[in-house]
PDB file of N, CA and C in Angstrom:
ATOM      1  N   MET A   1      64.677 -31.564-101.911  1.00  0.00           N
ATOM      2  CA  MET A   1      65.428 -31.734-100.703  1.00  0.00           C
ATOM      3  C   MET A   1      64.723 -32.782 -99.841  1.00  0.00           C
ATOM      4  N   ALA A   2      65.462 -33.779 -99.407  1.00  0.00           N
ATOM      5  CA  ALA A   2      64.897 -34.853 -98.596  1.00  0.00           C
ATOM      6  C   ALA A   2      64.786 -34.388 -97.145  1.00  0.00           C
ATOM      7  N   TYR A   3      63.701 -34.764 -96.519  1.00  0.00           N
ATOM      8  CA  TYR A   3      63.481 -34.404 -95.131  1.00  0.00           C
ATOM      9  C   TYR A   3      62.897 -35.606 -94.415  1.00  0.00           C
ATOM     10  N   HIS A   4      63.364 -35.868 -93.210  1.00  0.00           N
ATOM     11  CA  HIS A   4      62.863 -36.997 -92.434  1.00  0.00           C
ATOM     12  C   HIS A   4      61.687 -36.531 -91.581  1.00  0.00           C
ATOM     13  N   TYR A   5      60.531 -37.083 -91.850  1.00  0.00           N
ATOM     14  CA  TYR A   5      59.361 -36.792 -91.042  1.00  0.00           C
ATOM     15  C   TYR A   5      59.296 -37.805 -89.908  1.00  0.00           C
ATOM     16  N   PRO A   6      59.135 -37.356 -88.672  1.00  0.00           N
ATOM     17  CA  PRO A   6      59.101 -38.309 -87.554  1.00  0.00           C
ATOM     18  C   PRO A   6      57.835 -39.152 -87.581  1.00  0.00           C
ATOM     19  N   THR A   7      57.956 -40.350 -87.073  1.00  0.00           N
ATOM     20  CA  THR A   7      56.804 -41.234 -86.950  1.00  0.00           C
ATOM     21  C   THR A   7      56.167 -41.012 -85.587  1.00  0.00           C
ATOM     22  N   PRO A   8      54.921 -41.428 -85.406  1.00  0.00           N
ATOM     23  CA  PRO A   8      54.299 -41.277 -84.091  1.00  0.00           C
ATOM     24  C   PRO A   8      55.075 -42.009 -82.991  1.00  0.00           C
ATOM     25  N   GLN A   9      55.671 -43.154 -83.332  1.00  0.00           N
ATOM     26  CA  GLN A   9      56.432 -43.905 -82.344  1.00  0.00           C
ATOM     27  C   GLN A   9      57.683 -43.144 -81.915  1.00  0.00           C
ATOM     28  N   GLU A  10      58.340 -42.443 -82.837  1.00  0.00           N
ATOM     29  CA  GLU A  10      59.516 -41.646 -82.503  1.00  0.00           C
ATOM     30  C   GLU A  10      59.170 -40.490 -81.578  1.00  0.00           C
ATOM     31  N   LEU A  11      57.963 -39.984 -81.690  1.00  0.00           N
ATOM     32  CA  LEU A  11      57.531 -38.856 -80.859  1.00  0.00           C
ATOM     33  C   LEU A  11      56.902 -39.304 -79.545  1.00  0.00           C
ATOM     34  N   GLY A  12      56.758 -40.610 -79.371  1.00  0.00           N
ATOM     35  CA  GLY A  12      56.165 -41.126 -78.144  1.00  0.00           C
ATOM     36  C   GLY A  12      54.655 -41.132 -78.149  1.00  0.00           C
ATOM     37  N   ILE A  13      54.054 -41.048 -79.315  1.00  0.00           N
ATOM     38  CA  ILE A  13      52.599 -41.069 -79.422  1.00  0.00           C
ATOM     39  C   ILE A  13      52.150 -42.523 -79.450  1.00  0.00           C
ATOM     40  N   LYS A  14      51.282 -42.867 -78.541  1.00  0.00           N
ATOM     41  CA  LYS A  14      50.782 -44.229 -78.464  1.00  0.00           C
ATOM     42  C   LYS A  14      49.517 -44.346 -79.310  1.00  0.00           C
ATOM     43  N   ILE A  15      49.524 -45.310 -80.222  1.00  0.00           N
ATOM     44  CA  ILE A  15      48.375 -45.522 -81.106  1.00  0.00           C
ATOM     45  C   ILE A  15      47.357 -46.392 -80.368  1.00  0.00           C
ATOM     46  N   PRO A  16      46.118 -45.935 -80.233  1.00  0.00           N
ATOM     47  CA  PRO A  16      45.100 -46.735 -79.541  1.00  0.00           C
ATOM     48  C   PRO A  16      44.897 -48.099 -80.211  1.00  0.00           C
ATOM     49  N   ALA A  17      44.524 -49.091 -79.415  1.00  0.00           N
ATOM     50  CA  ALA A  17      44.386 -50.463 -79.910  1.00  0.00           C
ATOM     51  C   ALA A  17      43.235 -50.613 -80.897  1.00  0.00           C
ATOM     52  N   ASN A  18      42.231 -49.757 -80.827  1.00  0.00           N
ATOM     53  CA  ASN A  18      41.079 -49.889 -81.721  1.00  0.00           C
ATOM     54  C   ASN A  18      41.300 -49.255 -83.097  1.00  0.00           C
ATOM     55  N   LEU A  19      42.485 -48.714 -83.364  1.00  0.00           N
ATOM     56  CA  LEU A  19      42.790 -48.097 -84.657  1.00  0.00           C
ATOM     57  C   LEU A  19      43.755 -48.980 -85.444  1.00  0.00           C
ATOM     58  N   VAL A  20      43.746 -48.814 -86.754  1.00  0.00           N
ATOM     59  CA  VAL A  20      44.667 -49.538 -87.633  1.00  0.00           C
ATOM     60  C   VAL A  20      45.988 -48.759 -87.662  1.00  0.00           C
ATOM     61  N   PRO A  21      47.080 -49.358 -87.141  1.00  0.00           N
ATOM     62  CA  PRO A  21      48.347 -48.600 -87.024  1.00  0.00           C
ATOM     63  C   PRO A  21      48.900 -48.086 -88.348  1.00  0.00           C
ATOM     64  N   GLU A  22      48.817 -48.875 -89.413  1.00  0.00           N
ATOM     65  CA  GLU A  22      49.357 -48.429 -90.702  1.00  0.00           C
ATOM     66  C   GLU A  22      48.590 -47.223 -91.228  1.00  0.00           C
ATOM     67  N   ARG A  23      47.286 -47.251 -91.078  1.00  0.00           N
ATOM     68  CA  ARG A  23      46.457 -46.149 -91.555  1.00  0.00           C
ATOM     69  C   ARG A  23      46.669 -44.905 -90.687  1.00  0.00           C
ATOM     70  N   PHE A  24      46.820 -45.099 -89.380  1.00  0.00           N
ATOM     71  CA  PHE A  24      47.094 -43.991 -88.469  1.00  0.00           C
ATOM     72  C   PHE A  24      48.407 -43.316 -88.854  1.00  0.00           C
ATOM     73  N   CYS A  25      49.446 -44.121 -89.101  1.00  0.00           N
ATOM     74  CA  CYS A  25      50.755 -43.567 -89.458  1.00  0.00           C
ATOM     75  C   CYS A  25      50.719 -42.860 -90.803  1.00  0.00           C
ATOM     76  N   SER A  26      49.961 -43.395 -91.759  1.00  0.00           N
ATOM     77  CA  SER A  26      49.879 -42.721 -93.055  1.00  0.00           C
ATOM     78  C   SER A  26      49.118 -41.396 -92.927  1.00  0.00           C
ATOM     79  N   GLY A  27      48.100 -41.342 -92.081  1.00  0.00           N
ATOM     80  CA  GLY A  27      47.411 -40.078 -91.831  1.00  0.00           C
ATOM     81  C   GLY A  27      48.307 -39.080 -91.135  1.00  0.00           C
ATOM     82  N   PHE A  28      49.120 -39.561 -90.204  1.00  0.00           N
ATOM     83  CA  PHE A  28      50.063 -38.704 -89.494  1.00  0.00           C
ATOM     84  C   PHE A  28      51.080 -38.115 -90.471  1.00  0.00           C
ATOM     85  N   ARG A  29      51.627 -38.950 -91.337  1.00  0.00           N
ATOM     86  CA  ARG A  29      52.604 -38.508 -92.329  1.00  0.00           C
ATOM     87  C   ARG A  29      51.971 -37.517 -93.308  1.00  0.00           C
ATOM     88  N   HIS A  30      50.742 -37.795 -93.726  1.00  0.00           N
ATOM     89  CA  HIS A  30      50.026 -36.919 -94.652  1.00  0.00           C
ATOM     90  C   HIS A  30      49.813 -35.535 -94.038  1.00  0.00           C
ATOM     91  N   GLY A  31      49.468 -35.501 -92.760  1.00  0.00           N
ATOM     92  CA  GLY A  31      49.268 -34.228 -92.086  1.00  0.00           C
ATOM     93  C   GLY A  31      50.555 -33.443 -91.925  1.00  0.00           C
ATOM     94  N   LEU A  32      51.672 -34.139 -91.644  1.00  0.00           N
ATOM     95  CA  LEU A  32      52.949 -33.449 -91.510  1.00  0.00           C
ATOM     96  C   LEU A  32      53.412 -32.842 -92.829  1.00  0.00           C
ATOM     97  N   LYS A  33      53.071 -33.487 -93.919  1.00  0.00           N
ATOM     98  CA  LYS A  33      53.472 -32.991 -95.235  1.00  0.00           C
ATOM     99  C   LYS A  33      52.573 -31.867 -95.724  1.00  0.00           C
ATOM    100  N   GLY A  34      51.523 -31.550 -94.966  1.00  0.00           N
ATOM    101  CA  GLY A  34      50.652 -30.436 -95.337  1.00  0.00           C
ATOM    102  C   GLY A  34      49.511 -30.831 -96.237  1.00  0.00           C
ATOM    103  N   GLY A  35      49.202 -32.108 -96.309  1.00  0.00           N
ATOM    104  CA  GLY A  35      48.111 -32.567 -97.161  1.00  0.00           C
ATOM    105  C   GLY A  35      46.747 -32.218 -96.584  1.00  0.00           C
ATOM    106  N   GLN A  36      45.744 -32.336 -97.408  1.00  0.00           N
ATOM    107  CA  GLN A  36      44.370 -32.061 -97.005  1.00  0.00           C
ATOM    108  C   GLN A  36      43.557 -33.352 -97.072  1.00  0.00           C
ATOM    109  N   ILE A  37      42.468 -33.398 -96.358  1.00  0.00           N
ATOM    110  CA  ILE A  37      41.577 -34.546 -96.418  1.00  0.00           C
ATOM    111  C   ILE A  37      40.599 -34.288 -97.560  1.00  0.00           C
ATOM    112  N   ASP A  38      40.966 -34.774 -98.731  1.00  0.00           N
ATOM    113  CA  ASP A  38      40.158 -34.496 -99.913  1.00  0.00           C
ATOM    114  C   ASP A  38      39.845 -35.744-100.733  1.00  0.00           C
ATOM    115  N   LYS A  39      40.112 -36.914-100.196  1.00  0.00           N
ATOM    116  CA  LYS A  39      39.794 -38.159-100.895  1.00  0.00           C
ATOM    117  C   LYS A  39      38.976 -39.050 -99.975  1.00  0.00           C
ATOM    118  N   VAL A  40      38.255 -39.970-100.569  1.00  0.00           N
ATOM    119  CA  VAL A  40      37.363 -40.836 -99.797  1.00  0.00           C
ATOM    120  C   VAL A  40      38.139 -41.690 -98.806  1.00  0.00           C
ATOM    121  N   GLN A  41      39.301 -42.225 -99.212  1.00  0.00           N
ATOM    122  CA  GLN A  41      40.050 -43.094 -98.312  1.00  0.00           C
ATOM    123  C   GLN A  41      40.630 -42.327 -97.126  1.00  0.00           C
ATOM    124  N   TYR A  42      40.677 -40.999 -97.205  1.00  0.00           N
ATOM    125  CA  TYR A  42      41.164 -40.193 -96.090  1.00  0.00           C
ATOM    126  C   TYR A  42      40.103 -40.018 -94.997  1.00  0.00           C
ATOM    127  N   LEU A  43      38.885 -40.450 -95.259  1.00  0.00           N
ATOM    128  CA  LEU A  43      37.809 -40.275 -94.285  1.00  0.00           C
ATOM    129  C   LEU A  43      37.732 -41.425 -93.276  1.00  0.00           C
ATOM    130  N   ARG A  44      38.593 -42.418 -93.403  1.00  0.00           N
ATOM    131  CA  ARG A  44      38.615 -43.508 -92.439  1.00  0.00           C
ATOM    132  C   ARG A  44      39.022 -42.967 -91.078  1.00  0.00           C
ATOM    133  N   ARG A  45      38.468 -43.552 -90.022  1.00  0.00           N
ATOM    134  CA  ARG A  45      38.679 -43.029 -88.671  1.00  0.00           C
ATOM    135  C   ARG A  45      40.152 -43.035 -88.269  1.00  0.00           C
ATOM    136  N   SER A  46      40.869 -44.133 -88.539  1.00  0.00           N
ATOM    137  CA  SER A  46      42.278 -44.218 -88.166  1.00  0.00           C
ATOM    138  C   SER A  46      43.095 -43.140 -88.872  1.00  0.00           C
ATOM    139  N   PHE A  47      42.814 -42.931 -90.152  1.00  0.00           N
ATOM    140  CA  PHE A  47      43.535 -41.923 -90.919  1.00  0.00           C
ATOM    141  C   PHE A  47      43.249 -40.534 -90.364  1.00  0.00           C
ATOM    142  N   ARG A  48      41.979 -40.239 -90.111  1.00  0.00           N
ATOM    143  CA  ARG A  48      41.608 -38.904 -89.611  1.00  0.00           C
ATOM    144  C   ARG A  48      42.237 -38.606 -88.260  1.00  0.00           C
ATOM    145  N   LEU A  49      42.263 -39.597 -87.371  1.00  0.00           N
ATOM    146  CA  LEU A  49      42.855 -39.356 -86.059  1.00  0.00           C
ATOM    147  C   LEU A  49      44.371 -39.184 -86.143  1.00  0.00           C
ATOM    148  N   GLY A  50      45.017 -39.912 -87.055  1.00  0.00           N
ATOM    149  CA  GLY A  50      46.447 -39.700 -87.285  1.00  0.00           C
ATOM    150  C   GLY A  50      46.718 -38.319 -87.852  1.00  0.00           C
ATOM    151  N   TYR A  51      45.876 -37.897 -88.783  1.00  0.00           N
ATOM    152  CA  TYR A  51      45.979 -36.569 -89.387  1.00  0.00           C
ATOM    153  C   TYR A  51      45.804 -35.485 -88.320  1.00  0.00           C
ATOM    154  N   ARG A  52      44.799 -35.658 -87.479  1.00  0.00           N
ATOM    155  CA  ARG A  52      44.529 -34.676 -86.425  1.00  0.00           C
ATOM    156  C   ARG A  52      45.683 -34.607 -85.435  1.00  0.00           C
ATOM    157  N   MET A  53      46.245 -35.773 -85.090  1.00  0.00           N
ATOM    158  CA  MET A  53      47.363 -35.803 -84.154  1.00  0.00           C
ATOM    159  C   MET A  53      48.573 -35.081 -84.736  1.00  0.00           C
ATOM    160  N   SER A  54      48.795 -35.202 -86.040  1.00  0.00           N
ATOM    161  CA  SER A  54      49.928 -34.502 -86.656  1.00  0.00           C
ATOM    162  C   SER A  54      49.716 -32.994 -86.614  1.00  0.00           C
ATOM    163  N   LYS A  55      48.481 -32.546 -86.830  1.00  0.00           N
ATOM    164  CA  LYS A  55      48.206 -31.114 -86.775  1.00  0.00           C
ATOM    165  C   LYS A  55      48.400 -30.568 -85.351  1.00  0.00           C
ATOM    166  N   LEU A  56      48.006 -31.341 -84.354  1.00  0.00           N
ATOM    167  CA  LEU A  56      48.223 -30.921 -82.968  1.00  0.00           C
ATOM    168  C   LEU A  56      49.709 -30.896 -82.634  1.00  0.00           C
ATOM    169  N   PHE A  57      50.449 -31.883 -83.141  1.00  0.00           N
ATOM    170  CA  PHE A  57      51.897 -31.905 -82.923  1.00  0.00           C
ATOM    171  C   PHE A  57      52.551 -30.690 -83.569  1.00  0.00           C
ATOM    172  N   LEU A  58      52.178 -30.381 -84.815  1.00  0.00           N
ATOM    173  CA  LEU A  58      52.766 -29.236 -85.500  1.00  0.00           C
ATOM    174  C   LEU A  58      52.471 -27.921 -84.791  1.00  0.00           C
ATOM    175  N   ARG A  59      51.256 -27.794 -84.271  1.00  0.00           N
ATOM    176  CA  ARG A  59      50.902 -26.577 -83.545  1.00  0.00           C
ATOM    177  C   ARG A  59      51.787 -26.404 -82.310  1.00  0.00           C
ATOM    178  N   GLU A  60      51.974 -27.478 -81.550  1.00  0.00           N
ATOM    179  CA  GLU A  60      52.805 -27.414 -80.352  1.00  0.00           C
ATOM    180  C   GLU A  60      54.275 -27.199 -80.715  1.00  0.00           C
ATOM    181  N   TYR A  61      54.738 -27.851 -81.752  1.00  0.00           N
ATOM    182  CA  TYR A  61      56.126 -27.700 -82.192  1.00  0.00           C
ATOM    183  C   TYR A  61      56.418 -26.271 -82.612  1.00  0.00           C
ATOM    184  N   ARG A  62      55.505 -25.678 -83.373  1.00  0.00           N
ATOM    185  CA  ARG A  62      55.690 -24.287 -83.798  1.00  0.00           C
ATOM    186  C   ARG A  62      55.639 -23.332 -82.615  1.00  0.00           C
ATOM    187  N   ARG A  63      54.786 -23.630 -81.658  1.00  0.00           N
ATOM    188  CA  ARG A  63      54.685 -22.794 -80.463  1.00  0.00           C
ATOM    189  C   ARG A  63      56.005 -22.830 -79.691  1.00  0.00           C
ATOM    190  N   GLN A  64      56.626 -24.007 -79.599  1.00  0.00           N
ATOM    191  CA  GLN A  64      57.912 -24.136 -78.909  1.00  0.00           C
ATOM    192  C   GLN A  64      59.028 -23.407 -79.648  1.00  0.00           C
ATOM    193  N   GLN A  65      58.947 -23.360 -80.976  1.00  0.00           N
ATOM    194  CA  GLN A  65      59.960 -22.688 -81.787  1.00  0.00           C
ATOM    195  C   GLN A  65      59.755 -21.180 -81.843  1.00  0.00           C
ATOM    196  N   GLY A  66      58.636 -20.706 -81.328  1.00  0.00           N
ATOM    197  CA  GLY A  66      58.360 -19.273 -81.341  1.00  0.00           C
ATOM    198  C   GLY A  66      57.793 -18.781 -82.660  1.00  0.00           C
ATOM    199  N   ILE A  67      57.280 -19.682 -83.467  1.00  0.00           N
ATOM    200  CA  ILE A  67      56.707 -19.303 -84.756  1.00  0.00           C
ATOM    201  C   ILE A  67      55.269 -18.865 -84.530  1.00  0.00           C
ATOM    202  N   LEU A  68      54.954 -17.671 -84.972  1.00  0.00           N
ATOM    203  CA  LEU A  68      53.617 -17.142 -84.794  1.00  0.00           C
ATOM    204  C   LEU A  68      52.680 -17.698 -85.845  1.00  0.00           C
ATOM    205  N   THR A  69      51.451 -17.908 -85.463  1.00  0.00           N
ATOM    206  CA  THR A  69      50.440 -18.295 -86.446  1.00  0.00           C
ATOM    207  C   THR A  69      49.643 -17.044 -86.786  1.00  0.00           C
ATOM    208  N   PHE A  70      49.429 -16.856 -88.033  1.00  0.00           N
ATOM    209  CA  PHE A  70      48.714 -15.689 -88.500  1.00  0.00           C
ATOM    210  C   PHE A  70      47.219 -15.982 -88.534  1.00  0.00           C
ATOM    211  N   PRO A  71      46.395 -14.960 -88.389  1.00  0.00           N
ATOM    212  CA  PRO A  71      44.949 -15.188 -88.434  1.00  0.00           C
ATOM    213  C   PRO A  71      44.530 -15.704 -89.805  1.00  0.00           C
ATOM    214  N   THR A  72      43.446 -16.426 -89.806  1.00  0.00           N
ATOM    215  CA  THR A  72      42.959 -16.983 -91.066  1.00  0.00           C
ATOM    216  C   THR A  72      42.512 -15.853 -91.991  1.00  0.00           C
ATOM    217  N   LYS A  73      42.627 -16.122 -93.255  1.00  0.00           N
ATOM    218  CA  LYS A  73      42.245 -15.120 -94.241  1.00  0.00           C
ATOM    219  C   LYS A  73      40.730 -15.008 -94.286  1.00  0.00           C
ATOM    220  N   GLY A  74      40.251 -13.805 -94.287  1.00  0.00           N
ATOM    221  CA  GLY A  74      38.829 -13.562 -94.383  1.00  0.00           C
ATOM    222  C   GLY A  74      38.484 -12.844 -95.672  1.00  0.00           C
ATOM    223  N   GLN A  75      37.253 -12.873 -95.991  1.00  0.00           N
ATOM    224  CA  GLN A  75      36.803 -12.159 -97.181  1.00  0.00           C
ATOM    225  C   GLN A  75      35.962 -10.959 -96.749  1.00  0.00           C
ATOM    226  N   PHE A  76      36.218  -9.861 -97.390  1.00  0.00           N
ATOM    227  CA  PHE A  76      35.466  -8.658 -97.107  1.00  0.00           C
ATOM    228  C   PHE A  76      34.736  -8.232 -98.368  1.00  0.00           C
ATOM    229  N   ARG A  77      33.511  -7.805 -98.186  1.00  0.00           N
ATOM    230  CA  ARG A  77      32.728  -7.305 -99.316  1.00  0.00           C
ATOM    231  C   ARG A  77      32.406  -5.844 -99.060  1.00  0.00           C
ATOM    232  N   PHE A  78      32.748  -5.056-100.009  1.00  0.00           N
ATOM    233  CA  PHE A  78      32.481  -3.623 -99.907  1.00  0.00           C
ATOM    234  C   PHE A  78      31.519  -3.224-101.013  1.00  0.00           C
ATOM    235  N   ARG A  79      30.636  -2.319-100.678  1.00  0.00           N
ATOM    236  CA  ARG A  79      29.719  -1.783-101.666  1.00  0.00           C
ATOM    237  C   ARG A  79      30.045  -0.315-101.893  1.00  0.00           C
ATOM    238  N   ALA A  80      30.093   0.029-103.131  1.00  0.00           N
ATOM    239  CA  ALA A  80      30.319   1.441-103.466  1.00  0.00           C
ATOM    240  C   ALA A  80      28.954   2.151-103.445  1.00  0.00           C
ATOM    241  N   SER A  81      28.896   3.276-102.799  1.00  0.00           N
ATOM    242  CA  SER A  81      27.632   4.012-102.707  1.00  0.00           C
ATOM    243  C   SER A  81      27.506   5.033-103.790  1.00  0.00           C
TER     244      SER A  81
END
């Protein structure tokens, strides 16, 4: 199913002049699609800030929609006595 992911410009996000706009937008798109920072090229500053901005946007968007965020999964260790 095709879905249109908004660009930072469509959302009114201003890209700082010291960042590479193409890399910022690709990081933003990667974050919206649910990707992880798991490759070397994803560690570039412009990409990381675009990725972070998408995560902040998603958090606010979900909050406006009334979608609850669940607590992170934890690990429990039990010992049998």
